[in-house]
Amino acid sequence: IERRGIPVKFSFSAGTYICNLVMYTSLHVISVNNLESIAGFMHIPLTPDIAVKMPEKPSMSIELMERAVETCLKTCIREVLVNG
């Protein structure tokens, strides 16, 4: 994502409450059911129109977020295909 000129910050935490619930439930279901699947969690920033009301929060255009998510998904697919 960063190589595509999109600002990104890596974290080992999905966040709190609902974010962690979604992430760790996904990982648990995959593990318990021995699924050949991967899971991840990606926080996306606020859009600029919403960030105006919350200037301390990061923001990004929808177009840039779309490129970031697309890049992430393509990378995950490529890694699964190459590394199994």
N, C-alpha and C. Protein backbone atom coordinates (compact mmCIF):
# COMPACT_ATOMS: atom_id res chain seq x y z
N ILE A 1 0.84 -1.19 0.00
CA ILE A 1 0.00 0.00 0.00
C ILE A 1 0.88 1.24 0.00
N GLU A 2 1.89 1.22 0.85
CA GLU A 2 2.80 2.37 0.93
C GLU A 2 3.53 2.59 -0.39
N ARG A 3 3.93 1.50 -1.05
CA ARG A 3 4.63 1.62 -2.33
C ARG A 3 3.75 2.22 -3.41
N ARG A 4 2.45 2.19 -3.21
CA ARG A 4 1.53 2.81 -4.17
C ARG A 4 1.24 4.26 -3.81
N GLY A 5 2.01 4.79 -2.83
CA GLY A 5 1.86 6.19 -2.47
C GLY A 5 0.68 6.48 -1.55
N ILE A 6 0.21 5.45 -0.87
CA ILE A 6 -0.93 5.61 0.03
C ILE A 6 -0.42 5.53 1.47
N PRO A 7 -0.71 6.52 2.29
CA PRO A 7 -0.23 6.47 3.68
C PRO A 7 -0.86 5.30 4.43
N VAL A 8 -0.04 4.60 5.20
CA VAL A 8 -0.51 3.42 5.92
C VAL A 8 0.25 3.30 7.24
N LYS A 9 -0.38 2.71 8.22
CA LYS A 9 0.26 2.45 9.50
C LYS A 9 -0.08 1.03 9.90
N PHE A 10 0.94 0.22 10.15
CA PHE A 10 0.75 -1.18 10.52
C PHE A 10 0.48 -1.28 12.02
N SER A 11 -0.41 -2.18 12.40
CA SER A 11 -0.74 -2.37 13.81
C SER A 11 -0.98 -3.85 14.07
N PHE A 12 -0.69 -4.29 15.28
CA PHE A 12 -0.97 -5.67 15.68
C PHE A 12 -2.29 -5.77 16.44
N SER A 13 -3.04 -4.68 16.49
CA SER A 13 -4.31 -4.65 17.20
C SER A 13 -5.42 -4.23 16.24
N ALA A 14 -6.52 -4.95 16.28
CA ALA A 14 -7.66 -4.55 15.45
C ALA A 14 -8.38 -3.36 16.04
N GLY A 15 -8.03 -3.02 17.26
CA GLY A 15 -8.69 -1.90 17.92
C GLY A 15 -9.39 -2.38 19.17
N THR A 16 -10.52 -1.80 19.45
CA THR A 16 -11.26 -2.20 20.64
C THR A 16 -12.69 -2.59 20.29
N TYR A 17 -13.28 -3.31 21.19
CA TYR A 17 -14.66 -3.74 21.16
C TYR A 17 -15.06 -4.45 19.86
N ILE A 18 -15.88 -3.86 19.02
CA ILE A 18 -16.41 -4.54 17.85
C ILE A 18 -15.30 -4.96 16.89
N CYS A 19 -14.31 -4.11 16.71
CA CYS A 19 -13.21 -4.43 15.79
C CYS A 19 -12.48 -5.69 16.24
N ASN A 20 -12.12 -5.75 17.52
CA ASN A 20 -11.46 -6.95 18.03
C ASN A 20 -12.39 -8.16 17.96
N LEU A 21 -13.66 -7.98 18.27
CA LEU A 21 -14.62 -9.07 18.21
C LEU A 21 -14.66 -9.68 16.81
N VAL A 22 -14.75 -8.84 15.81
CA VAL A 22 -14.79 -9.31 14.42
C VAL A 22 -13.50 -10.04 14.05
N MET A 23 -12.37 -9.44 14.38
CA MET A 23 -11.07 -10.03 14.02
C MET A 23 -10.86 -11.38 14.71
N TYR A 24 -10.99 -11.40 16.02
CA TYR A 24 -10.68 -12.62 16.75
C TYR A 24 -11.73 -13.71 16.58
N THR A 25 -12.98 -13.35 16.33
CA THR A 25 -13.99 -14.35 16.00
C THR A 25 -13.68 -14.99 14.66
N SER A 26 -13.28 -14.19 13.70
CA SER A 26 -12.89 -14.72 12.38
C SER A 26 -11.73 -15.69 12.51
N LEU A 27 -10.70 -15.29 13.24
CA LEU A 27 -9.54 -16.17 13.43
C LEU A 27 -9.92 -17.45 14.17
N HIS A 28 -10.80 -17.34 15.14
CA HIS A 28 -11.25 -18.51 15.91
C HIS A 28 -12.02 -19.49 15.01
N VAL A 29 -12.95 -18.98 14.22
CA VAL A 29 -13.74 -19.83 13.33
C VAL A 29 -12.83 -20.55 12.34
N ILE A 30 -11.87 -19.85 11.79
CA ILE A 30 -10.92 -20.47 10.86
C ILE A 30 -10.14 -21.57 11.56
N SER A 31 -9.66 -21.31 12.76
CA SER A 31 -8.85 -22.27 13.49
C SER A 31 -9.66 -23.50 13.91
N VAL A 32 -10.79 -23.28 14.54
CA VAL A 32 -11.62 -24.37 15.06
C VAL A 32 -12.12 -25.28 13.94
N ASN A 33 -12.42 -24.70 12.81
CA ASN A 33 -12.95 -25.47 11.69
C ASN A 33 -11.88 -25.91 10.70
N ASN A 34 -10.62 -25.63 11.07
CA ASN A 34 -9.48 -26.02 10.22
C ASN A 34 -9.69 -25.59 8.76
N LEU A 35 -10.12 -24.35 8.59
CA LEU A 35 -10.41 -23.83 7.25
C LEU A 35 -9.14 -23.39 6.55
N GLU A 36 -9.11 -23.59 5.27
CA GLU A 36 -8.00 -23.09 4.46
C GLU A 36 -8.34 -21.66 4.07
N SER A 37 -8.18 -20.77 5.01
CA SER A 37 -8.57 -19.38 4.81
C SER A 37 -7.64 -18.48 5.61
N ILE A 38 -7.67 -17.22 5.28
CA ILE A 38 -6.93 -16.22 6.06
C ILE A 38 -7.91 -15.14 6.48
N ALA A 39 -7.53 -14.39 7.47
CA ALA A 39 -8.37 -13.28 7.92
C ALA A 39 -7.47 -12.11 8.27
N GLY A 40 -8.00 -10.96 8.14
CA GLY A 40 -7.27 -9.75 8.50
C GLY A 40 -8.27 -8.66 8.82
N PHE A 41 -7.76 -7.57 9.31
CA PHE A 41 -8.63 -6.45 9.67
C PHE A 41 -7.96 -5.17 9.19
N MET A 42 -8.73 -4.34 8.56
CA MET A 42 -8.18 -3.10 8.03
C MET A 42 -9.07 -1.94 8.47
N HIS A 43 -8.51 -1.08 9.30
CA HIS A 43 -9.23 0.15 9.63
C HIS A 43 -9.04 1.12 8.48
N ILE A 44 -10.07 1.81 8.15
CA ILE A 44 -9.95 2.87 7.15
C ILE A 44 -10.26 4.20 7.82
N PRO A 45 -9.61 5.26 7.36
CA PRO A 45 -9.83 6.56 8.01
C PRO A 45 -11.18 7.18 7.64
N LEU A 46 -11.46 8.28 8.27
CA LEU A 46 -12.67 9.03 7.97
C LEU A 46 -12.54 9.69 6.60
N THR A 47 -13.67 9.95 5.98
CA THR A 47 -13.65 10.76 4.76
C THR A 47 -13.46 12.22 5.19
N PRO A 48 -12.89 13.05 4.30
CA PRO A 48 -12.63 14.45 4.67
C PRO A 48 -13.86 15.20 5.16
N ASP A 49 -15.02 14.93 4.59
CA ASP A 49 -16.23 15.65 5.01
C ASP A 49 -16.62 15.33 6.45
N ILE A 50 -16.34 14.13 6.91
CA ILE A 50 -16.62 13.76 8.30
C ILE A 50 -15.49 14.25 9.21
N ALA A 51 -14.26 14.18 8.71
CA ALA A 51 -13.10 14.58 9.51
C ALA A 51 -13.12 16.06 9.87
N VAL A 52 -13.84 16.86 9.12
CA VAL A 52 -13.95 18.30 9.43
C VAL A 52 -14.47 18.47 10.86
N LYS A 53 -15.35 17.58 11.28
CA LYS A 53 -15.93 17.65 12.62
C LYS A 53 -15.04 16.98 13.67
N MET A 54 -14.04 16.24 13.22
CA MET A 54 -13.13 15.51 14.12
C MET A 54 -11.70 15.69 13.62
N PRO A 55 -11.14 16.90 13.72
CA PRO A 55 -9.84 17.19 13.12
C PRO A 55 -8.68 16.37 13.69
N GLU A 56 -8.85 15.76 14.85
CA GLU A 56 -7.78 14.95 15.43
C GLU A 56 -7.70 13.56 14.80
N LYS A 57 -8.71 13.18 14.03
CA LYS A 57 -8.76 11.86 13.40
C LYS A 57 -8.19 11.93 11.98
N PRO A 58 -7.55 10.84 11.54
CA PRO A 58 -7.03 10.82 10.16
C PRO A 58 -8.17 10.77 9.15
N SER A 59 -7.88 11.28 7.96
CA SER A 59 -8.88 11.24 6.90
C SER A 59 -8.21 10.91 5.56
N MET A 60 -9.04 10.47 4.63
CA MET A 60 -8.54 10.09 3.31
C MET A 60 -9.72 10.09 2.34
N SER A 61 -9.45 10.38 1.09
CA SER A 61 -10.52 10.36 0.10
C SER A 61 -10.99 8.92 -0.14
N ILE A 62 -12.23 8.80 -0.55
CA ILE A 62 -12.79 7.48 -0.86
C ILE A 62 -11.96 6.79 -1.94
N GLU A 63 -11.54 7.55 -2.95
CA GLU A 63 -10.76 6.97 -4.05
C GLU A 63 -9.45 6.36 -3.53
N LEU A 64 -8.78 7.06 -2.65
CA LEU A 64 -7.52 6.55 -2.09
C LEU A 64 -7.77 5.32 -1.21
N MET A 65 -8.86 5.35 -0.43
CA MET A 65 -9.21 4.17 0.38
C MET A 65 -9.51 2.97 -0.50
N GLU A 66 -10.22 3.20 -1.61
CA GLU A 66 -10.52 2.11 -2.54
C GLU A 66 -9.24 1.50 -3.09
N ARG A 67 -8.28 2.34 -3.46
CA ARG A 67 -6.99 1.84 -3.95
C ARG A 67 -6.27 1.04 -2.88
N ALA A 68 -6.33 1.50 -1.64
CA ALA A 68 -5.67 0.80 -0.53
C ALA A 68 -6.29 -0.57 -0.30
N VAL A 69 -7.60 -0.64 -0.26
CA VAL A 69 -8.30 -1.91 -0.03
C VAL A 69 -8.04 -2.86 -1.20
N GLU A 70 -8.12 -2.36 -2.42
CA GLU A 70 -7.84 -3.19 -3.60
C GLU A 70 -6.41 -3.74 -3.55
N THR A 71 -5.46 -2.90 -3.20
CA THR A 71 -4.06 -3.32 -3.10
C THR A 71 -3.91 -4.40 -2.04
N CYS A 72 -4.54 -4.21 -0.91
CA CYS A 72 -4.47 -5.18 0.18
C CYS A 72 -5.05 -6.53 -0.26
N LEU A 73 -6.21 -6.51 -0.88
CA LEU A 73 -6.84 -7.76 -1.32
C LEU A 73 -6.00 -8.47 -2.38
N LYS A 74 -5.49 -7.73 -3.33
CA LYS A 74 -4.66 -8.34 -4.37
C LYS A 74 -3.39 -8.95 -3.77
N THR A 75 -2.81 -8.26 -2.79
CA THR A 75 -1.62 -8.77 -2.14
C THR A 75 -1.92 -10.06 -1.38
N CYS A 76 -3.02 -10.08 -0.66
CA CYS A 76 -3.42 -11.29 0.07
C CYS A 76 -3.66 -12.46 -0.88
N ILE A 77 -4.37 -12.21 -1.96
CA ILE A 77 -4.63 -13.27 -2.94
C ILE A 77 -3.33 -13.79 -3.52
N ARG A 78 -2.44 -12.89 -3.89
CA ARG A 78 -1.15 -13.30 -4.46
C ARG A 78 -0.35 -14.15 -3.45
N GLU A 79 -0.33 -13.71 -2.19
CA GLU A 79 0.41 -14.45 -1.15
C GLU A 79 -0.17 -15.85 -0.95
N VAL A 80 -1.48 -15.96 -0.96
CA VAL A 80 -2.11 -17.27 -0.78
C VAL A 80 -1.78 -18.18 -1.97
N LEU A 81 -1.84 -17.63 -3.16
CA LEU A 81 -1.56 -18.43 -4.35
C LEU A 81 -0.09 -18.87 -4.41
N VAL A 82 0.80 -17.99 -4.00
CA VAL A 82 2.24 -18.29 -4.06
C VAL A 82 2.68 -19.17 -2.91
N ASN A 83 2.25 -18.83 -1.69
CA ASN A 83 2.72 -19.52 -0.50
C ASN A 83 1.77 -20.55 0.06
N GLY A 84 0.60 -20.66 -0.55
CA GLY A 84 -0.37 -21.67 -0.10
C GLY A 84 -0.91 -21.34 1.19
